[in-house]
Amino acid sequence: MKPDILSLSLDQIRDLIAELGQPKFRAAQLYRWLHVSKVISFREMTNLPANLIEALVARFIVDPIRMVTYQESAVDGTRKYLFALPDGNLIESVRMIYHHGISVCISTQVGCRMGCTFCASTLDGLSRNLTVGEMLGQVYAIIRHSNERVSNLVLMGCGEPMDNYDNVVAFVRRISDENGEHISQRSITVSTCGLVPKIRQLKDENLQITLAISLHAADDEKRKMLMPIAKVYSIDELLSACREYYDENKRRLTFEYGLVRGENDSQAYAEKLGDLLNRYFDHAHVNLIPINPVKERNYTATDTAAVYAFQKKLEKFQINATIRREMGRDIDGACGQLRRRYSEENPT
């Protein structure tokens, strides 16, 4: 199977052009076709010579993403896309409409091995990491399909981004490159369930992204029940690494908190969370998320009144608590749901 050329950096494309005996300026032309025009075939690159096109066709594929289907919410216009990869694996992406523009949430892995008990994407485990090109391909396919400028990116779809660290960092640099799509790093959010060594590594990358921490609990006992990663890294270890990240980058972190009815949504638990975060941060930001129901799990979302009560309690601790707008509830909204349902209905 031929590799995808989208995964190559501009420097790697320059090396490739030199290897093929082409003039240096061809590298910029090729890169522009890929990352500005976003073509899906080498034969669309009309200003490249035929011998270069044939050499590229023989060695690479352009577009590693094929759209299988998509769903559009009748409620809020959210679109959920199902893409096929060259090896037959399936991944999901989501396009959401906000007042500030179009936001796209992409997958970083095929499946996930983190085992969070409220998440559909981890039910079948991890198949493999996505390449840089496969992550770029999701964004480009949605731009082509919607014919819209994407203003914000979220790496919070299927997979754990920090478990595909090198490719994710390369993707962030590529999608924010001024020679390509040039999405501001400040408009990119990378989520993690809490791989402490990778958070510490990320703090030295000099990226201006927003780091989102999937916290979901205020004590180790509850977090271990919800998130197996908590058996490896304690909350204190996680929040210490987060504080180091903040001190280095001065970029606000967001703590994602999925509200599960009867598990982590009481007023007493809100106080516990407020006390915890105030030990590490002044005016922490918590994003409250009423979970999307997953049929394979027994968890249900907290009712609206309890969500607002939880928010009010956190605000008494000087914590900026926002409530995530529920998107795509009517179209398999939770991570991994569309992929799983499609696979069940279309067995190979």
C-alpha atoms as a PDB file:
ATOM      1  CA  MET A   1       0.000   0.000   0.000  1.00  0.00           C
ATOM      2  CA  LYS A   2       1.426   3.344  -1.052  1.00  0.00           C
ATOM      3  CA  PRO A   3       1.938   6.037   1.624  1.00  0.00           C
ATOM      4  CA  ASP A   4      -0.034   9.270   1.578  1.00  0.00           C
ATOM      5  CA  ILE A   5       1.888  12.340   0.463  1.00  0.00           C
ATOM      6  CA  LEU A   6      -0.127  14.580   2.818  1.00  0.00           C
ATOM      7  CA  SER A   7       1.961  13.197   5.672  1.00  0.00           C
ATOM      8  CA  LEU A   8       5.138  14.768   4.262  1.00  0.00           C
ATOM      9  CA  SER A   9       6.335  18.104   5.613  1.00  0.00           C
ATOM     10  CA  LEU A  10       7.426  20.904   3.292  1.00  0.00           C
ATOM     11  CA  ASP A  11      11.064  20.032   3.983  1.00  0.00           C
ATOM     12  CA  GLN A  12      10.385  16.387   3.125  1.00  0.00           C
ATOM     13  CA  ILE A  13       8.685  17.454  -0.103  1.00  0.00           C
ATOM     14  CA  ARG A  14      11.711  19.576  -0.956  1.00  0.00           C
ATOM     15  CA  ASP A  15      13.903  16.508  -0.444  1.00  0.00           C
ATOM     16  CA  LEU A  16      11.555  14.442  -2.604  1.00  0.00           C
ATOM     17  CA  ILE A  17      11.620  17.009  -5.429  1.00  0.00           C
ATOM     18  CA  ALA A  18      15.435  17.048  -5.306  1.00  0.00           C
ATOM     19  CA  GLU A  19      15.514  13.236  -5.357  1.00  0.00           C
ATOM     20  CA  LEU A  20      13.300  13.244  -8.451  1.00  0.00           C
ATOM     21  CA  GLY A  21      15.638  15.689 -10.184  1.00  0.00           C
ATOM     22  CA  GLN A  22      13.083  18.491 -10.402  1.00  0.00           C
ATOM     23  CA  PRO A  23      13.682  22.240  -9.958  1.00  0.00           C
ATOM     24  CA  LYS A  24      13.364  23.494  -6.381  1.00  0.00           C
ATOM     25  CA  PHE A  25      10.312  25.648  -7.089  1.00  0.00           C
ATOM     26  CA  ARG A  26       8.279  22.515  -7.798  1.00  0.00           C
ATOM     27  CA  ALA A  27       8.195  21.780  -4.050  1.00  0.00           C
ATOM     28  CA  ALA A  28       6.201  24.928  -3.278  1.00  0.00           C
ATOM     29  CA  GLN A  29       3.860  24.231  -6.185  1.00  0.00           C
ATOM     30  CA  LEU A  30       3.224  20.675  -5.015  1.00  0.00           C
ATOM     31  CA  TYR A  31       2.723  21.737  -1.407  1.00  0.00           C
ATOM     32  CA  ARG A  32       0.222  24.403  -2.471  1.00  0.00           C
ATOM     33  CA  TRP A  33      -1.793  21.929  -4.517  1.00  0.00           C
ATOM     34  CA  LEU A  34      -1.981  19.624  -1.508  1.00  0.00           C
ATOM     35  CA  HIS A  35      -2.620  22.051   1.337  1.00  0.00           C
ATOM     36  CA  VAL A  36      -4.217  25.126  -0.243  1.00  0.00           C
ATOM     37  CA  SER A  37      -6.097  23.791  -3.288  1.00  0.00           C
ATOM     38  CA  LYS A  38      -6.639  20.457  -1.478  1.00  0.00           C
ATOM     39  CA  VAL A  39      -6.836  18.413  -4.665  1.00  0.00           C
ATOM     40  CA  ILE A  40      -7.516  14.674  -4.433  1.00  0.00           C
ATOM     41  CA  SER A  41      -5.517  13.606  -7.497  1.00  0.00           C
ATOM     42  CA  PHE A  42      -2.043  14.318  -8.794  1.00  0.00           C
ATOM     43  CA  ARG A  43      -3.563  14.747 -12.244  1.00  0.00           C
ATOM     44  CA  GLU A  44      -5.364  17.884 -11.052  1.00  0.00           C
ATOM     45  CA  MET A  45      -1.977  19.575 -10.553  1.00  0.00           C
ATOM     46  CA  THR A  46      -2.033  21.316 -13.904  1.00  0.00           C
ATOM     47  CA  ASN A  47       1.221  23.279 -13.626  1.00  0.00           C
ATOM     48  CA  LEU A  48       3.378  20.235 -12.844  1.00  0.00           C
ATOM     49  CA  PRO A  49       5.172  18.431 -15.690  1.00  0.00           C
ATOM     50  CA  ALA A  50       3.888  15.031 -16.790  1.00  0.00           C
ATOM     51  CA  ASN A  51       7.062  13.177 -15.756  1.00  0.00           C
ATOM     52  CA  LEU A  52       6.793  14.521 -12.197  1.00  0.00           C
ATOM     53  CA  ILE A  53       3.108  13.621 -11.989  1.00  0.00           C
ATOM     54  CA  GLU A  54       3.813  10.072 -13.155  1.00  0.00           C
ATOM     55  CA  ALA A  55       6.626   9.700 -10.615  1.00  0.00           C
ATOM     56  CA  LEU A  56       4.330  10.880  -7.827  1.00  0.00           C
ATOM     57  CA  VAL A  57       1.474   8.607  -8.912  1.00  0.00           C
ATOM     58  CA  ALA A  58       3.834   5.638  -8.806  1.00  0.00           C
ATOM     59  CA  ARG A  59       4.957   6.342  -5.236  1.00  0.00           C
ATOM     60  CA  PHE A  60       2.112   7.998  -3.317  1.00  0.00           C
ATOM     61  CA  ILE A  61      -1.592   8.464  -2.888  1.00  0.00           C
ATOM     62  CA  VAL A  62      -2.865  12.017  -2.485  1.00  0.00           C
ATOM     63  CA  ASP A  63      -5.991  11.635  -0.401  1.00  0.00           C
ATOM     64  CA  PRO A  64      -6.024   8.907   2.276  1.00  0.00           C
ATOM     65  CA  ILE A  65      -9.657   9.653   3.230  1.00  0.00           C
ATOM     66  CA  ARG A  66     -12.845   8.493   1.503  1.00  0.00           C
ATOM     67  CA  MET A  67     -16.214   9.689   2.765  1.00  0.00           C
ATOM     68  CA  VAL A  68     -18.516   6.715   3.373  1.00  0.00           C
ATOM     69  CA  THR A  69     -21.537   8.552   4.734  1.00  0.00           C
ATOM     70  CA  TYR A  70     -22.542  11.458   6.908  1.00  0.00           C
ATOM     71  CA  GLN A  71     -25.440  12.419   9.142  1.00  0.00           C
ATOM     72  CA  GLU A  72     -26.793  15.928   9.635  1.00  0.00           C
ATOM     73  CA  SER A  73     -28.670  16.952  12.747  1.00  0.00           C
ATOM     74  CA  ALA A  74     -32.117  18.365  12.148  1.00  0.00           C
ATOM     75  CA  VAL A  75     -31.733  20.219  15.442  1.00  0.00           C
ATOM     76  CA  ASP A  76     -28.493  22.188  15.119  1.00  0.00           C
ATOM     77  CA  GLY A  77     -26.940  21.404  11.724  1.00  0.00           C
ATOM     78  CA  THR A  78     -24.091  19.341  13.196  1.00  0.00           C
ATOM     79  CA  ARG A  79     -22.668  16.906  10.667  1.00  0.00           C
ATOM     80  CA  LYS A  80     -21.034  13.652  11.628  1.00  0.00           C
ATOM     81  CA  TYR A  81     -18.835  12.093   8.957  1.00  0.00           C
ATOM     82  CA  LEU A  82     -17.732   8.498   8.548  1.00  0.00           C
ATOM     83  CA  PHE A  83     -14.510   8.088   6.571  1.00  0.00           C
ATOM     84  CA  ALA A  84     -12.790   4.990   5.230  1.00  0.00           C
ATOM     85  CA  LEU A  85      -8.999   4.669   5.219  1.00  0.00           C
ATOM     86  CA  PRO A  86      -6.930   2.841   2.578  1.00  0.00           C
ATOM     87  CA  ASP A  87      -6.663  -0.263   4.795  1.00  0.00           C
ATOM     88  CA  GLY A  88     -10.436  -0.463   5.269  1.00  0.00           C
ATOM     89  CA  ASN A  89     -10.545   1.003   8.769  1.00  0.00           C
ATOM     90  CA  LEU A  90     -13.276   3.520   9.596  1.00  0.00           C
ATOM     91  CA  ILE A  91     -12.986   6.790  11.516  1.00  0.00           C
ATOM     92  CA  GLU A  92     -15.318   9.639  12.469  1.00  0.00           C
ATOM     93  CA  SER A  93     -15.162  13.425  12.342  1.00  0.00           C
ATOM     94  CA  VAL A  94     -17.689  16.075  13.343  1.00  0.00           C
ATOM     95  CA  ARG A  95     -18.414  19.534  11.945  1.00  0.00           C
ATOM     96  CA  MET A  96     -20.236  21.913  14.301  1.00  0.00           C
ATOM     97  CA  ILE A  97     -21.676  25.386  13.829  1.00  0.00           C
ATOM     98  CA  TYR A  98     -21.007  27.969  16.538  1.00  0.00           C
ATOM     99  CA  HIS A  99     -21.524  31.711  16.664  1.00  0.00           C
ATOM    100  CA  HIS A 100     -17.770  32.208  16.231  1.00  0.00           C
ATOM    101  CA  GLY A 101     -17.581  29.989  13.145  1.00  0.00           C
ATOM    102  CA  ILE A 102     -17.185  26.387  12.048  1.00  0.00           C
ATOM    103  CA  SER A 103     -15.481  23.943  14.404  1.00  0.00           C
ATOM    104  CA  VAL A 104     -14.262  20.518  13.332  1.00  0.00           C
ATOM    105  CA  CYS A 105     -13.508  17.659  15.703  1.00  0.00           C
ATOM    106  CA  ILE A 106     -11.227  14.960  14.301  1.00  0.00           C
ATOM    107  CA  SER A 107     -10.069  11.493  15.294  1.00  0.00           C
ATOM    108  CA  THR A 108      -6.413  10.766  15.997  1.00  0.00           C
ATOM    109  CA  GLN A 109      -6.565   6.966  16.193  1.00  0.00           C
ATOM    110  CA  VAL A 110      -8.633   4.084  14.867  1.00  0.00           C
ATOM    111  CA  GLY A 111     -10.334   3.146  18.116  1.00  0.00           C
ATOM    112  CA  CYS A 112      -8.747   3.766  21.500  1.00  0.00           C
ATOM    113  CA  ARG A 113      -7.051   1.719  24.192  1.00  0.00           C
ATOM    114  CA  MET A 114      -7.704   4.046  27.138  1.00  0.00           C
ATOM    115  CA  GLY A 115     -10.860   2.213  28.220  1.00  0.00           C
ATOM    116  CA  CYS A 116     -12.903   5.138  29.579  1.00  0.00           C
ATOM    117  CA  THR A 117     -16.156   3.551  30.657  1.00  0.00           C
ATOM    118  CA  PHE A 118     -18.462   6.260  29.262  1.00  0.00           C
ATOM    119  CA  CYS A 119     -16.963   6.315  25.750  1.00  0.00           C
ATOM    120  CA  ALA A 120     -18.067   4.313  22.682  1.00  0.00           C
ATOM    121  CA  SER A 121     -14.778   4.730  20.808  1.00  0.00           C
ATOM    122  CA  THR A 122     -12.897   2.494  23.222  1.00  0.00           C
ATOM    123  CA  LEU A 123     -15.298  -0.464  23.099  1.00  0.00           C
ATOM    124  CA  ASP A 124     -13.326  -2.349  20.431  1.00  0.00           C
ATOM    125  CA  GLY A 125      -9.875  -1.261  21.578  1.00  0.00           C
ATOM    126  CA  LEU A 126      -7.133   0.333  19.497  1.00  0.00           C
ATOM    127  CA  SER A 127      -6.472  -0.722  15.906  1.00  0.00           C
ATOM    128  CA  ARG A 128      -3.735   1.776  15.008  1.00  0.00           C
ATOM    129  CA  ASN A 129      -2.599   5.388  15.033  1.00  0.00           C
ATOM    130  CA  LEU A 130      -3.591   7.774  12.276  1.00  0.00           C
ATOM    131  CA  THR A 131      -0.932   9.336  10.092  1.00  0.00           C
ATOM    132  CA  VAL A 132      -0.502  13.089   9.806  1.00  0.00           C
ATOM    133  CA  GLY A 133      -2.100  12.867   6.365  1.00  0.00           C
ATOM    134  CA  GLU A 134      -5.110  10.973   7.664  1.00  0.00           C
ATOM    135  CA  MET A 135      -5.708  13.686  10.248  1.00  0.00           C
ATOM    136  CA  LEU A 136      -5.270  16.454   7.676  1.00  0.00           C
ATOM    137  CA  GLY A 137      -7.476  14.490   5.292  1.00  0.00           C
ATOM    138  CA  GLN A 138     -10.425  14.671   7.681  1.00  0.00           C
ATOM    139  CA  VAL A 139     -10.225  18.458   7.830  1.00  0.00           C
ATOM    140  CA  TYR A 140      -9.719  18.860   4.092  1.00  0.00           C
ATOM    141  CA  ALA A 141     -12.578  16.484   3.215  1.00  0.00           C
ATOM    142  CA  ILE A 142     -14.978  18.437   5.422  1.00  0.00           C
ATOM    143  CA  ILE A 143     -13.818  21.748   3.924  1.00  0.00           C
ATOM    144  CA  ARG A 144     -14.367  20.390   0.411  1.00  0.00           C
ATOM    145  CA  HIS A 145     -17.772  18.942   1.284  1.00  0.00           C
ATOM    146  CA  SER A 146     -19.060  21.968   3.186  1.00  0.00           C
ATOM    147  CA  ASN A 147     -17.248  24.656   1.184  1.00  0.00           C
ATOM    148  CA  GLU A 148     -16.675  26.528   4.446  1.00  0.00           C
ATOM    149  CA  ARG A 149     -13.700  27.987   6.235  1.00  0.00           C
ATOM    150  CA  VAL A 150     -12.864  26.074   9.426  1.00  0.00           C
ATOM    151  CA  SER A 151     -12.065  28.450  12.269  1.00  0.00           C
ATOM    152  CA  ASN A 152     -11.488  26.005  15.137  1.00  0.00           C
ATOM    153  CA  LEU A 153     -10.121  22.484  15.446  1.00  0.00           C
ATOM    154  CA  VAL A 154     -10.601  20.025  18.269  1.00  0.00           C
ATOM    155  CA  LEU A 155      -8.619  16.802  18.600  1.00  0.00           C
ATOM    156  CA  MET A 156     -11.227  15.130  20.746  1.00  0.00           C
ATOM    157  CA  GLY A 157     -12.755  12.510  18.455  1.00  0.00           C
ATOM    158  CA  CYS A 158     -11.927   8.817  18.526  1.00  0.00           C
ATOM    159  CA  GLY A 159      -8.570   8.048  20.102  1.00  0.00           C
ATOM    160  CA  GLU A 160      -6.225   9.553  22.669  1.00  0.00           C
ATOM    161  CA  PRO A 161      -4.124  12.257  20.958  1.00  0.00           C
ATOM    162  CA  MET A 162      -1.215  11.945  23.384  1.00  0.00           C
ATOM    163  CA  ASP A 163      -1.042   8.215  22.584  1.00  0.00           C
ATOM    164  CA  ASN A 164      -0.200   9.257  18.992  1.00  0.00           C
ATOM    165  CA  TYR A 165       2.087  12.034  20.165  1.00  0.00           C
ATOM    166  CA  ASP A 166       4.554  12.540  17.297  1.00  0.00           C
ATOM    167  CA  ASN A 167       1.905  12.529  14.576  1.00  0.00           C
ATOM    168  CA  VAL A 168      -0.398  14.837  16.538  1.00  0.00           C
ATOM    169  CA  VAL A 169       2.352  17.406  17.126  1.00  0.00           C
ATOM    170  CA  ALA A 170       3.317  17.230  13.447  1.00  0.00           C
ATOM    171  CA  PHE A 171      -0.344  17.657  12.474  1.00  0.00           C
ATOM    172  CA  VAL A 172      -0.685  20.788  14.630  1.00  0.00           C
ATOM    173  CA  ARG A 173       2.398  22.314  13.031  1.00  0.00           C
ATOM    174  CA  ARG A 174       1.181  21.396   9.530  1.00  0.00           C
ATOM    175  CA  ILE A 175      -2.415  22.627   9.848  1.00  0.00           C
ATOM    176  CA  SER A 176      -1.177  25.927  11.317  1.00  0.00           C
ATOM    177  CA  ASP A 177       1.579  26.376   8.718  1.00  0.00           C
ATOM    178  CA  GLU A 178       1.298  29.713   6.904  1.00  0.00           C
ATOM    179  CA  ASN A 179       2.010  27.890   3.638  1.00  0.00           C
ATOM    180  CA  GLY A 180      -1.107  25.732   4.038  1.00  0.00           C
ATOM    181  CA  GLU A 181      -4.482  25.993   5.778  1.00  0.00           C
ATOM    182  CA  HIS A 182      -2.952  28.296   8.414  1.00  0.00           C
ATOM    183  CA  ILE A 183      -5.430  27.720  11.243  1.00  0.00           C
ATOM    184  CA  SER A 184      -4.194  29.597  14.293  1.00  0.00           C
ATOM    185  CA  GLN A 185      -2.714  27.360  16.968  1.00  0.00           C
ATOM    186  CA  ARG A 186      -4.729  29.365  19.491  1.00  0.00           C
ATOM    187  CA  SER A 187      -7.838  27.982  17.776  1.00  0.00           C
ATOM    188  CA  ILE A 188      -6.713  24.363  18.180  1.00  0.00           C
ATOM    189  CA  THR A 189      -7.628  22.283  21.215  1.00  0.00           C
ATOM    190  CA  VAL A 190      -5.889  18.999  21.993  1.00  0.00           C
ATOM    191  CA  SER A 191      -7.594  16.734  24.505  1.00  0.00           C
ATOM    192  CA  THR A 192      -5.993  14.090  26.708  1.00  0.00           C
ATOM    193  CA  CYS A 193      -7.229  11.699  29.352  1.00  0.00           C
ATOM    194  CA  GLY A 194      -4.044  12.396  31.289  1.00  0.00           C
ATOM    195  CA  LEU A 195      -0.848  10.793  29.961  1.00  0.00           C
ATOM    196  CA  VAL A 196       1.398  12.646  32.382  1.00  0.00           C
ATOM    197  CA  PRO A 197       4.783  12.107  30.651  1.00  0.00           C
ATOM    198  CA  LYS A 198       3.340  13.347  27.350  1.00  0.00           C
ATOM    199  CA  ILE A 199       1.892  16.474  28.985  1.00  0.00           C
ATOM    200  CA  ARG A 200       5.352  17.233  30.316  1.00  0.00           C
ATOM    201  CA  GLN A 201       6.842  16.621  26.868  1.00  0.00           C
ATOM    202  CA  LEU A 202       4.223  18.830  25.225  1.00  0.00           C
ATOM    203  CA  LYS A 203       5.045  21.797  27.444  1.00  0.00           C
ATOM    204  CA  ASP A 204       8.425  22.090  25.695  1.00  0.00           C
ATOM    205  CA  GLU A 205       7.036  22.034  22.116  1.00  0.00           C
ATOM    206  CA  ASN A 206       6.372  25.802  22.115  1.00  0.00           C
ATOM    207  CA  LEU A 207       2.857  25.352  20.762  1.00  0.00           C
ATOM    208  CA  GLN A 208       0.114  27.898  21.440  1.00  0.00           C
ATOM    209  CA  ILE A 209      -2.711  25.366  21.534  1.00  0.00           C
ATOM    210  CA  THR A 210      -5.334  24.904  24.241  1.00  0.00           C
ATOM    211  CA  LEU A 211      -4.797  21.739  26.252  1.00  0.00           C
ATOM    212  CA  ALA A 212      -8.003  20.071  27.452  1.00  0.00           C
ATOM    213  CA  ILE A 213      -7.771  17.573  30.305  1.00  0.00           C
ATOM    214  CA  SER A 214     -10.459  14.905  30.584  1.00  0.00           C
ATOM    215  CA  LEU A 215     -10.797  14.953  34.358  1.00  0.00           C
ATOM    216  CA  HIS A 216     -14.333  13.675  35.081  1.00  0.00           C
ATOM    217  CA  ALA A 217     -13.705  13.104  38.791  1.00  0.00           C
ATOM    218  CA  ALA A 218     -12.343  14.864  41.869  1.00  0.00           C
ATOM    219  CA  ASP A 219     -10.753  11.875  43.597  1.00  0.00           C
ATOM    220  CA  ASP A 220      -8.707   8.875  42.524  1.00  0.00           C
ATOM    221  CA  GLU A 221     -11.279   6.286  43.566  1.00  0.00           C
ATOM    222  CA  LYS A 222     -14.030   7.688  41.342  1.00  0.00           C
ATOM    223  CA  ARG A 223     -11.631   8.467  38.487  1.00  0.00           C
ATOM    224  CA  LYS A 224     -10.311   4.888  38.495  1.00  0.00           C
ATOM    225  CA  MET A 225     -13.872   3.663  38.083  1.00  0.00           C
ATOM    226  CA  LEU A 226     -14.497   5.960  35.118  1.00  0.00           C
ATOM    227  CA  MET A 227     -11.019   6.093  33.558  1.00  0.00           C
ATOM    228  CA  PRO A 228      -8.477   3.241  33.796  1.00  0.00           C
ATOM    229  CA  ILE A 229      -5.610   5.685  33.139  1.00  0.00           C
ATOM    230  CA  ALA A 230      -6.155   6.871  36.729  1.00  0.00           C
ATOM    231  CA  LYS A 231      -4.689   3.558  37.905  1.00  0.00           C
ATOM    232  CA  VAL A 232      -1.384   4.668  36.358  1.00  0.00           C
ATOM    233  CA  TYR A 233      -1.332   8.392  37.172  1.00  0.00           C
ATOM    234  CA  SER A 234      -2.990   9.886  40.232  1.00  0.00           C
ATOM    235  CA  ILE A 235      -4.967  13.124  40.118  1.00  0.00           C
ATOM    236  CA  ASP A 236      -2.175  14.869  42.018  1.00  0.00           C
ATOM    237  CA  GLU A 237       0.402  13.688  39.453  1.00  0.00           C
ATOM    238  CA  LEU A 238      -1.877  14.831  36.627  1.00  0.00           C
ATOM    239  CA  LEU A 239      -2.610  18.270  38.050  1.00  0.00           C
ATOM    240  CA  SER A 240       1.056  18.830  38.932  1.00  0.00           C
ATOM    241  CA  ALA A 241       1.970  18.176  35.282  1.00  0.00           C
ATOM    242  CA  CYS A 242      -0.835  20.520  34.197  1.00  0.00           C
ATOM    243  CA  ARG A 243       0.524  23.245  36.449  1.00  0.00           C
ATOM    244  CA  GLU A 244       3.994  22.780  34.938  1.00  0.00           C
ATOM    245  CA  TYR A 245       2.461  23.057  31.465  1.00  0.00           C
ATOM    246  CA  TYR A 246       0.683  26.284  32.408  1.00  0.00           C
ATOM    247  CA  ASP A 247       3.777  27.805  34.033  1.00  0.00           C
ATOM    248  CA  GLU A 248       5.790  27.125  30.871  1.00  0.00           C
ATOM    249  CA  ASN A 249       3.254  28.200  28.235  1.00  0.00           C
ATOM    250  CA  LYS A 250       0.926  30.612  30.044  1.00  0.00           C
ATOM    251  CA  ARG A 251      -1.922  29.054  28.085  1.00  0.00           C
ATOM    252  CA  ARG A 252      -5.110  28.364  29.974  1.00  0.00           C
ATOM    253  CA  LEU A 253      -6.032  24.715  30.354  1.00  0.00           C
ATOM    254  CA  THR A 254      -9.586  23.457  30.156  1.00  0.00           C
ATOM    255  CA  PHE A 255     -10.755  20.664  32.426  1.00  0.00           C
ATOM    256  CA  GLU A 256     -13.395  18.557  30.733  1.00  0.00           C
ATOM    257  CA  TYR A 257     -15.911  17.155  33.180  1.00  0.00           C
ATOM    258  CA  GLY A 258     -18.514  14.683  31.924  1.00  0.00           C
ATOM    259  CA  LEU A 259     -21.523  14.641  34.222  1.00  0.00           C
ATOM    260  CA  VAL A 260     -22.816  11.119  34.819  1.00  0.00           C
ATOM    261  CA  ARG A 261     -26.069  10.860  36.747  1.00  0.00           C
ATOM    262  CA  GLY A 262     -25.572   9.459  40.227  1.00  0.00           C
ATOM    263  CA  GLU A 263     -21.812   9.113  39.842  1.00  0.00           C
ATOM    264  CA  ASN A 264     -20.101  12.529  39.858  1.00  0.00           C
ATOM    265  CA  ASP A 265     -22.825  15.155  39.688  1.00  0.00           C
ATOM    266  CA  SER A 266     -23.834  15.873  43.300  1.00  0.00           C
ATOM    267  CA  GLN A 267     -23.453  19.222  45.053  1.00  0.00           C
ATOM    268  CA  ALA A 268     -21.000  17.636  47.478  1.00  0.00           C
ATOM    269  CA  TYR A 269     -18.925  16.430  44.564  1.00  0.00           C
ATOM    270  CA  ALA A 270     -18.948  19.900  43.013  1.00  0.00           C
ATOM    271  CA  GLU A 271     -17.460  21.227  46.255  1.00  0.00           C
ATOM    272  CA  LYS A 272     -14.827  18.516  46.158  1.00  0.00           C
ATOM    273  CA  LEU A 273     -13.914  19.447  42.592  1.00  0.00           C
ATOM    274  CA  GLY A 274     -13.743  23.140  43.463  1.00  0.00           C
ATOM    275  CA  ASP A 275     -11.419  22.478  46.406  1.00  0.00           C
ATOM    276  CA  LEU A 276      -9.201  20.260  44.256  1.00  0.00           C
ATOM    277  CA  LEU A 277      -8.724  22.699  41.372  1.00  0.00           C
ATOM    278  CA  ASN A 278      -8.195  25.679  43.644  1.00  0.00           C
ATOM    279  CA  ARG A 279      -5.179  23.926  45.140  1.00  0.00           C
ATOM    280  CA  TYR A 280      -3.426  24.098  41.772  1.00  0.00           C
ATOM    281  CA  PHE A 281      -4.918  27.009  39.814  1.00  0.00           C
ATOM    282  CA  ASP A 282      -6.379  30.450  40.304  1.00  0.00           C
ATOM    283  CA  HIS A 283      -9.697  30.673  38.479  1.00  0.00           C
ATOM    284  CA  ALA A 284      -9.577  27.300  36.701  1.00  0.00           C
ATOM    285  CA  HIS A 285     -11.811  26.692  33.692  1.00  0.00           C
ATOM    286  CA  VAL A 286     -14.134  23.662  33.769  1.00  0.00           C
ATOM    287  CA  ASN A 287     -16.205  22.609  30.774  1.00  0.00           C
ATOM    288  CA  LEU A 288     -19.232  20.672  32.006  1.00  0.00           C
ATOM    289  CA  ILE A 289     -20.432  18.001  29.587  1.00  0.00           C
ATOM    290  CA  PRO A 290     -23.769  16.199  29.961  1.00  0.00           C
ATOM    291  CA  ILE A 291     -22.623  12.882  28.501  1.00  0.00           C
ATOM    292  CA  ASN A 292     -24.160  11.504  25.315  1.00  0.00           C
ATOM    293  CA  PRO A 293     -25.871   8.192  26.185  1.00  0.00           C
ATOM    294  CA  VAL A 294     -24.044   5.114  24.851  1.00  0.00           C
ATOM    295  CA  LYS A 295     -26.229   2.034  24.441  1.00  0.00           C
ATOM    296  CA  GLU A 296     -23.439  -0.345  25.502  1.00  0.00           C
ATOM    297  CA  ARG A 297     -23.035   1.498  28.832  1.00  0.00           C
ATOM    298  CA  ASN A 298     -25.449   1.989  31.687  1.00  0.00           C
ATOM    299  CA  TYR A 299     -24.570   5.631  32.333  1.00  0.00           C
ATOM    300  CA  THR A 300     -27.114   8.373  31.743  1.00  0.00           C
ATOM    301  CA  ALA A 301     -26.698  12.133  31.491  1.00  0.00           C
ATOM    302  CA  THR A 302     -27.355  14.452  34.414  1.00  0.00           C
ATOM    303  CA  ASP A 303     -30.637  16.357  34.093  1.00  0.00           C
ATOM    304  CA  THR A 304     -30.508  20.014  33.111  1.00  0.00           C
ATOM    305  CA  ALA A 305     -31.348  21.428  36.544  1.00  0.00           C
ATOM    306  CA  ALA A 306     -28.559  19.436  38.201  1.00  0.00           C
ATOM    307  CA  VAL A 307     -26.094  20.573  35.536  1.00  0.00           C
ATOM    308  CA  TYR A 308     -26.829  24.237  36.275  1.00  0.00           C
ATOM    309  CA  ALA A 309     -26.682  23.604  40.022  1.00  0.00           C
ATOM    310  CA  PHE A 310     -23.251  21.994  39.593  1.00  0.00           C
ATOM    311  CA  GLN A 311     -22.115  25.021  37.591  1.00  0.00           C
ATOM    312  CA  LYS A 312     -23.338  27.459  40.253  1.00  0.00           C
ATOM    313  CA  LYS A 313     -21.526  25.562  42.976  1.00  0.00           C
ATOM    314  CA  LEU A 314     -18.224  25.694  41.053  1.00  0.00           C
ATOM    315  CA  GLU A 315     -18.653  29.422  40.473  1.00  0.00           C
ATOM    316  CA  LYS A 316     -18.672  29.924  44.243  1.00  0.00           C
ATOM    317  CA  PHE A 317     -15.076  28.637  44.159  1.00  0.00           C
ATOM    318  CA  GLN A 318     -14.183  31.345  41.571  1.00  0.00           C
ATOM    319  CA  ILE A 319     -14.041  28.680  38.888  1.00  0.00           C
ATOM    320  CA  ASN A 320     -15.126  29.601  35.368  1.00  0.00           C
ATOM    321  CA  ALA A 321     -17.591  26.788  34.650  1.00  0.00           C
ATOM    322  CA  THR A 322     -19.161  26.586  31.210  1.00  0.00           C
ATOM    323  CA  ILE A 323     -21.693  24.068  29.950  1.00  0.00           C
ATOM    324  CA  ARG A 324     -20.937  22.510  26.620  1.00  0.00           C
ATOM    325  CA  ARG A 325     -23.719  22.980  24.141  1.00  0.00           C
ATOM    326  CA  GLU A 326     -25.115  19.563  23.289  1.00  0.00           C
ATOM    327  CA  MET A 327     -24.470  18.878  19.614  1.00  0.00           C
ATOM    328  CA  GLY A 328     -25.683  16.050  17.424  1.00  0.00           C
ATOM    329  CA  ARG A 329     -27.695  14.179  20.048  1.00  0.00           C
ATOM    330  CA  ASP A 330     -30.037  12.985  17.256  1.00  0.00           C
ATOM    331  CA  ILE A 331     -27.224  11.660  15.008  1.00  0.00           C
ATOM    332  CA  ASP A 332     -25.096   9.218  17.025  1.00  0.00           C
ATOM    333  CA  GLY A 333     -23.412  12.141  18.775  1.00  0.00           C
ATOM    334  CA  ALA A 334     -21.019  10.301  21.089  1.00  0.00           C
ATOM    335  CA  CYS A 335     -17.508   9.473  19.877  1.00  0.00           C
ATOM    336  CA  GLY A 336     -17.443   6.120  18.088  1.00  0.00           C
ATOM    337  CA  GLN A 337     -21.215   5.592  17.828  1.00  0.00           C
ATOM    338  CA  LEU A 338     -21.604   6.081  14.069  1.00  0.00           C
ATOM    339  CA  ARG A 339     -18.515   3.992  13.292  1.00  0.00           C
ATOM    340  CA  ARG A 340     -19.710   1.166  15.537  1.00  0.00           C
ATOM    341  CA  ARG A 341     -23.281   1.175  14.220  1.00  0.00           C
ATOM    342  CA  TYR A 342     -22.124   1.219  10.585  1.00  0.00           C
ATOM    343  CA  SER A 343     -19.765  -1.708  11.209  1.00  0.00           C
ATOM    344  CA  GLU A 344     -22.568  -3.701  12.851  1.00  0.00           C
ATOM    345  CA  GLU A 345     -24.913  -3.035   9.928  1.00  0.00           C
ATOM    346  CA  ASN A 346     -22.268  -3.678   7.253  1.00  0.00           C
ATOM    347  CA  PRO A 347     -20.175  -6.649   8.430  1.00  0.00           C
ATOM    348  CA  THR A 348     -17.267  -7.567   6.193  1.00  0.00           C
END
